[in-house]
PDB file of all heavy atoms in Angstrom:
ATOM      1  N   ARG A   1     111.596 107.216  86.215  1.00  0.00           N
ATOM      2  CA  ARG A   1     111.634 107.836  87.543  1.00  0.00           C
ATOM      3  C   ARG A   1     110.819 109.134  87.573  1.00  0.00           C
ATOM      4  O   ARG A   1     110.193 109.456  88.582  1.00  0.00           O
ATOM      5  CB  ARG A   1     113.083 108.108  87.958  1.00  0.00           C
ATOM      6  CG  ARG A   1     113.839 106.850  88.387  1.00  0.00           C
ATOM      7  CD  ARG A   1     115.278 107.173  88.774  1.00  0.00           C
ATOM      8  NE  ARG A   1     115.358 108.135  89.863  1.00  0.00           N
ATOM      9  CZ  ARG A   1     115.256 107.818  91.146  1.00  0.00           C
ATOM     10  NH1 ARG A   1     115.059 106.557  91.509  1.00  0.00           N
ATOM     11  NH2 ARG A   1     115.354 108.752  92.074  1.00  0.00           N
ATOM     12  N   VAL A   2     110.846 109.857  86.475  1.00  0.00           N
ATOM     13  CA  VAL A   2     110.033 111.084  86.407  1.00  0.00           C
ATOM     14  C   VAL A   2     108.555 110.734  86.540  1.00  0.00           C
ATOM     15  O   VAL A   2     107.800 111.410  87.257  1.00  0.00           O
ATOM     16  CB  VAL A   2     110.285 111.836  85.085  1.00  0.00           C
ATOM     17  CG1 VAL A   2     109.337 113.023  84.960  1.00  0.00           C
ATOM     18  CG2 VAL A   2     111.737 112.306  85.017  1.00  0.00           C
ATOM     19  N   LEU A   3     108.146 109.672  85.872  1.00  0.00           N
ATOM     20  CA  LEU A   3     106.745 109.258  85.912  1.00  0.00           C
ATOM     21  C   LEU A   3     106.357 108.757  87.302  1.00  0.00           C
ATOM     22  O   LEU A   3     105.291 109.127  87.824  1.00  0.00           O
ATOM     23  CB  LEU A   3     106.488 108.176  84.864  1.00  0.00           C
ATOM     24  CG  LEU A   3     106.657 108.610  83.402  1.00  0.00           C
ATOM     25  CD1 LEU A   3     106.567 107.406  82.465  1.00  0.00           C
ATOM     26  CD2 LEU A   3     105.598 109.642  83.024  1.00  0.00           C
ATOM     27  N   THR A   4     107.181 107.926  87.894  1.00  0.00           N
ATOM     28  CA  THR A   4     106.858 107.430  89.238  1.00  0.00           C
ATOM     29  C   THR A   4     106.941 108.546  90.275  1.00  0.00           C
ATOM     30  O   THR A   4     106.270 108.490  91.308  1.00  0.00           O
ATOM     31  CB  THR A   4     107.806 106.287  89.650  1.00  0.00           C
ATOM     32  OG1 THR A   4     109.171 106.728  89.524  1.00  0.00           O
ATOM     33  CG2 THR A   4     107.607 105.060  88.781  1.00  0.00           C
ATOM     34  N   GLY A   5     107.733 109.566  89.976  1.00  0.00           N
ATOM     35  CA  GLY A   5     107.859 110.705  90.889  1.00  0.00           C
ATOM     36  C   GLY A   5     106.579 111.511  91.017  1.00  0.00           C
ATOM     37  O   GLY A   5     106.432 112.317  91.947  1.00  0.00           O
ATOM     38  N   ILE A   6     105.635 111.314  90.097  1.00  0.00           N
ATOM     39  CA  ILE A   6     104.330 111.975  90.202  1.00  0.00           C
ATOM     40  C   ILE A   6     103.592 111.470  91.439  1.00  0.00           C
ATOM     41  O   ILE A   6     102.849 112.214  92.087  1.00  0.00           O
ATOM     42  CB  ILE A   6     103.488 111.711  88.939  1.00  0.00           C
ATOM     43  CG1 ILE A   6     104.184 112.311  87.711  1.00  0.00           C
ATOM     44  CG2 ILE A   6     102.077 112.277  89.081  1.00  0.00           C
ATOM     45  CD1 ILE A   6     103.540 111.914  86.398  1.00  0.00           C
ATOM     46  N   TYR A   7     103.843 110.205  91.788  1.00  0.00           N
ATOM     47  CA  TYR A   7     103.120 109.575  92.900  1.00  0.00           C
ATOM     48  C   TYR A   7     103.988 109.349  94.131  1.00  0.00           C
ATOM     49  O   TYR A   7     103.458 109.242  95.239  1.00  0.00           O
ATOM     50  CB  TYR A   7     102.557 108.213  92.437  1.00  0.00           C
ATOM     51  CG  TYR A   7     101.593 108.322  91.283  1.00  0.00           C
ATOM     52  CD1 TYR A   7     102.033 108.241  89.960  1.00  0.00           C
ATOM     53  CD2 TYR A   7     100.234 108.515  91.497  1.00  0.00           C
ATOM     54  CE1 TYR A   7     101.146 108.339  88.892  1.00  0.00           C
ATOM     55  CE2 TYR A   7      99.338 108.620  90.436  1.00  0.00           C
ATOM     56  CZ  TYR A   7      99.806 108.535  89.145  1.00  0.00           C
ATOM     57  OH  TYR A   7      98.925 108.644  88.092  1.00  0.00           O
ATOM     58  N   LEU A   8     105.285 109.231  93.928  1.00  0.00           N
ATOM     59  CA  LEU A   8     106.173 108.890  95.048  1.00  0.00           C
ATOM     60  C   LEU A   8     107.276 109.927  95.205  1.00  0.00           C
ATOM     61  O   LEU A   8     107.685 110.566  94.226  1.00  0.00           O
ATOM     62  CB  LEU A   8     106.814 107.510  94.801  1.00  0.00           C
ATOM     63  CG  LEU A   8     105.844 106.324  94.663  1.00  0.00           C
ATOM     64  CD1 LEU A   8     106.609 105.096  94.185  1.00  0.00           C
ATOM     65  CD2 LEU A   8     105.150 106.035  95.994  1.00  0.00           C
ATOM     66  N   ASP A   9     107.768 110.080  96.429  1.00  0.00           N
ATOM     67  CA  ASP A   9     108.861 110.998  96.727  1.00  0.00           C
ATOM     68  C   ASP A   9     110.187 110.348  96.330  1.00  0.00           C
ATOM     69  O   ASP A   9     110.639 109.391  96.978  1.00  0.00           O
ATOM     70  CB  ASP A   9     108.847 111.345  98.225  1.00  0.00           C
ATOM     71  CG  ASP A   9     109.910 112.379  98.593  1.00  0.00           C
ATOM     72  OD1 ASP A   9     110.674 112.808  97.693  1.00  0.00           O
ATOM     73  OD2 ASP A   9     109.985 112.751  99.775  1.00  0.00           O
ATOM     74  N   LEU A  10     110.797 110.868  95.281  1.00  0.00           N
ATOM     75  CA  LEU A  10     112.042 110.281  94.770  1.00  0.00           C
ATOM     76  C   LEU A  10     113.200 110.445  95.744  1.00  0.00           C
ATOM     77  O   LEU A  10     114.194 109.709  95.664  1.00  0.00           O
ATOM     78  CB  LEU A  10     112.407 110.918  93.429  1.00  0.00           C
ATOM     79  CG  LEU A  10     111.412 110.706  92.284  1.00  0.00           C
ATOM     80  CD1 LEU A  10     111.864 111.455  91.040  1.00  0.00           C
ATOM     81  CD2 LEU A  10     111.232 109.225  91.981  1.00  0.00           C
ATOM     82  N   ASN A  11     113.103 111.412  96.655  1.00  0.00           N
ATOM     83  CA  ASN A  11     114.205 111.689  97.579  1.00  0.00           C
ATOM     84  C   ASN A  11     114.049 110.991  98.923  1.00  0.00           C
ATOM     85  O   ASN A  11     114.897 111.153  99.805  1.00  0.00           O
ATOM     86  CB  ASN A  11     114.310 113.209  97.811  1.00  0.00           C
ATOM     87  CG  ASN A  11     114.618 113.955  96.522  1.00  0.00           C
ATOM     88  OD1 ASN A  11     115.480 113.529  95.749  1.00  0.00           O
ATOM     89  ND2 ASN A  11     113.916 115.051  96.277  1.00  0.00           N
ATOM     90  N   ASN A  12     112.978 110.242  99.070  1.00  0.00           N
ATOM     91  CA  ASN A  12     112.737 109.542 100.330  1.00  0.00           C
ATOM     92  C   ASN A  12     113.342 108.146 100.261  1.00  0.00           C
ATOM     93  O   ASN A  12     112.920 107.328  99.437  1.00  0.00           O
ATOM     94  CB  ASN A  12     111.241 109.456 100.598  1.00  0.00           C
ATOM     95  CG  ASN A  12     110.916 108.886 101.969  1.00  0.00           C
ATOM     96  OD1 ASN A  12     111.782 108.342 102.654  1.00  0.00           O
ATOM     97  ND2 ASN A  12     109.660 109.023 102.375  1.00  0.00           N
ATOM     98  N   PRO A  13     114.332 107.835 101.107  1.00  0.00           N
ATOM     99  CA  PRO A  13     114.968 106.506 101.069  1.00  0.00           C
ATOM    100  C   PRO A  13     113.985 105.366 101.288  1.00  0.00           C
ATOM    101  O   PRO A  13     114.202 104.256 100.802  1.00  0.00           O
ATOM    102  CB  PRO A  13     115.991 106.567 102.208  1.00  0.00           C
ATOM    103  CG  PRO A  13     116.221 108.028 102.448  1.00  0.00           C
ATOM    104  CD  PRO A  13     114.937 108.708 102.121  1.00  0.00           C
ATOM    105  N   LYS A  14     112.895 105.641 101.999  1.00  0.00           N
ATOM    106  CA  LYS A  14     111.934 104.590 102.307  1.00  0.00           C
ATOM    107  C   LYS A  14     111.167 104.124 101.054  1.00  0.00           C
ATOM    108  O   LYS A  14     110.602 103.026 101.048  1.00  0.00           O
ATOM    109  CB  LYS A  14     110.935 105.087 103.359  1.00  0.00           C
ATOM    110  CG  LYS A  14     111.569 105.344 104.723  1.00  0.00           C
ATOM    111  CD  LYS A  14     110.510 105.815 105.720  1.00  0.00           C
ATOM    112  CE  LYS A  14     111.137 106.066 107.088  1.00  0.00           C
ATOM    113  NZ  LYS A  14     110.130 106.558 108.081  1.00  0.00           N
ATOM    114  N   THR A  15     111.132 104.962 100.044  1.00  0.00           N
ATOM    115  CA  THR A  15     110.399 104.592  98.819  1.00  0.00           C
ATOM    116  C   THR A  15     111.326 104.091  97.711  1.00  0.00           C
ATOM    117  O   THR A  15     110.856 103.807  96.603  1.00  0.00           O
ATOM    118  CB  THR A  15     109.593 105.802  98.288  1.00  0.00           C
ATOM    119  OG1 THR A  15     110.504 106.858  97.948  1.00  0.00           O
ATOM    120  CG2 THR A  15     108.591 106.285  99.324  1.00  0.00           C
ATOM    121  N   ALA A  16     112.605 103.972  98.001  1.00  0.00           N
ATOM    122  CA  ALA A  16     113.578 103.605  96.963  1.00  0.00           C
ATOM    123  C   ALA A  16     113.253 102.248  96.330  1.00  0.00           C
ATOM    124  O   ALA A  16     113.290 102.092  95.104  1.00  0.00           O
ATOM    125  CB  ALA A  16     114.982 103.588  97.543  1.00  0.00           C
ATOM    126  N   SER A  17     112.918 101.257  97.153  1.00  0.00           N
ATOM    127  CA  SER A  17     112.639  99.928  96.611  1.00  0.00           C
ATOM    128  C   SER A  17     111.331  99.916  95.818  1.00  0.00           C
ATOM    129  O   SER A  17     111.210  99.206  94.814  1.00  0.00           O
ATOM    130  CB  SER A  17     112.572  98.894  97.745  1.00  0.00           C
ATOM    131  OG  SER A  17     111.579  99.253  98.687  1.00  0.00           O
ATOM    132  N   ILE A  18     110.358 100.727  96.270  1.00  0.00           N
ATOM    133  CA  ILE A  18     109.089 100.813  95.546  1.00  0.00           C
ATOM    134  C   ILE A  18     109.313 101.450  94.178  1.00  0.00           C
ATOM    135  O   ILE A  18     108.778 100.990  93.163  1.00  0.00           O
ATOM    136  CB  ILE A  18     108.059 101.629  96.354  1.00  0.00           C
ATOM    137  CG1 ILE A  18     107.792 100.965  97.706  1.00  0.00           C
ATOM    138  CG2 ILE A  18     106.760 101.782  95.565  1.00  0.00           C
ATOM    139  CD1 ILE A  18     106.888 101.774  98.615  1.00  0.00           C
ATOM    140  N   ILE A  19     110.105 102.519  94.148  1.00  0.00           N
ATOM    141  CA  ILE A  19     110.403 103.210  92.893  1.00  0.00           C
ATOM    142  C   ILE A  19     111.135 102.283  91.924  1.00  0.00           C
ATOM    143  O   ILE A  19     110.842 102.249  90.730  1.00  0.00           O
ATOM    144  CB  ILE A  19     111.239 104.477  93.161  1.00  0.00           C
ATOM    145  CG1 ILE A  19     110.383 105.510  93.898  1.00  0.00           C
ATOM    146  CG2 ILE A  19     111.789 105.065  91.866  1.00  0.00           C
ATOM    147  CD1 ILE A  19     111.160 106.669  94.470  1.00  0.00           C
ATOM    148  N   ALA A  20     112.077 101.503  92.464  1.00  0.00           N
ATOM    149  CA  ALA A  20     112.829 100.565  91.613  1.00  0.00           C
ATOM    150  C   ALA A  20     111.897  99.534  90.980  1.00  0.00           C
ATOM    151  O   ALA A  20     112.008  99.226  89.778  1.00  0.00           O
ATOM    152  CB  ALA A  20     113.902  99.866  92.444  1.00  0.00           C
ATOM    153  N   LEU A  21     110.959  99.006  91.780  1.00  0.00           N
ATOM    154  CA  LEU A  21     110.032  98.006  91.254  1.00  0.00           C
ATOM    155  C   LEU A  21     109.050  98.643  90.270  1.00  0.00           C
ATOM    156  O   LEU A  21     108.732  98.054  89.220  1.00  0.00           O
ATOM    157  CB  LEU A  21     109.276  97.338  92.405  1.00  0.00           C
ATOM    158  CG  LEU A  21     108.354  96.172  92.027  1.00  0.00           C
ATOM    159  CD1 LEU A  21     109.108  95.117  91.221  1.00  0.00           C
ATOM    160  CD2 LEU A  21     107.729  95.558  93.281  1.00  0.00           C
ATOM    161  N   SER A  22     108.562  99.855  90.575  1.00  0.00           N
ATOM    162  CA  SER A  22     107.668 100.563  89.647  1.00  0.00           C
ATOM    163  C   SER A  22     108.360 100.804  88.312  1.00  0.00           C
ATOM    164  O   SER A  22     107.743 100.676  87.241  1.00  0.00           O
ATOM    165  CB  SER A  22     107.229 101.906  90.243  1.00  0.00           C
ATOM    166  OG  SER A  22     106.404 101.732  91.358  1.00  0.00           O
ATOM    167  N   THR A  23     109.632 101.140  88.378  1.00  0.00           N
ATOM    168  CA  THR A  23     110.416 101.369  87.168  1.00  0.00           C
ATOM    169  C   THR A  23     110.486 100.097  86.321  1.00  0.00           C
ATOM    170  O   THR A  23     110.333 100.137  85.092  1.00  0.00           O
ATOM    171  CB  THR A  23     111.831 101.842  87.531  1.00  0.00           C
ATOM    172  OG1 THR A  23     111.744 103.083  88.238  1.00  0.00           O
ATOM    173  CG2 THR A  23     112.691 102.027  86.298  1.00  0.00           C
ATOM    174  N   THR A  24     110.694  98.966  86.992  1.00  0.00           N
ATOM    175  CA  THR A  24     110.748  97.687  86.277  1.00  0.00           C
ATOM    176  C   THR A  24     109.407  97.370  85.629  1.00  0.00           C
ATOM    177  O   THR A  24     109.340  96.893  84.487  1.00  0.00           O
ATOM    178  CB  THR A  24     111.146  96.549  87.238  1.00  0.00           C
ATOM    179  OG1 THR A  24     112.366  96.898  87.912  1.00  0.00           O
ATOM    180  CG2 THR A  24     111.352  95.246  86.483  1.00  0.00           C
TER     181      THR A  24
END
């Protein structure tokens, strides 16, 4: 999540699914 947070807003609900998939 720290790594994906470089590109995406971790606190934005709209990016939650994108962050989850990036993490996978």
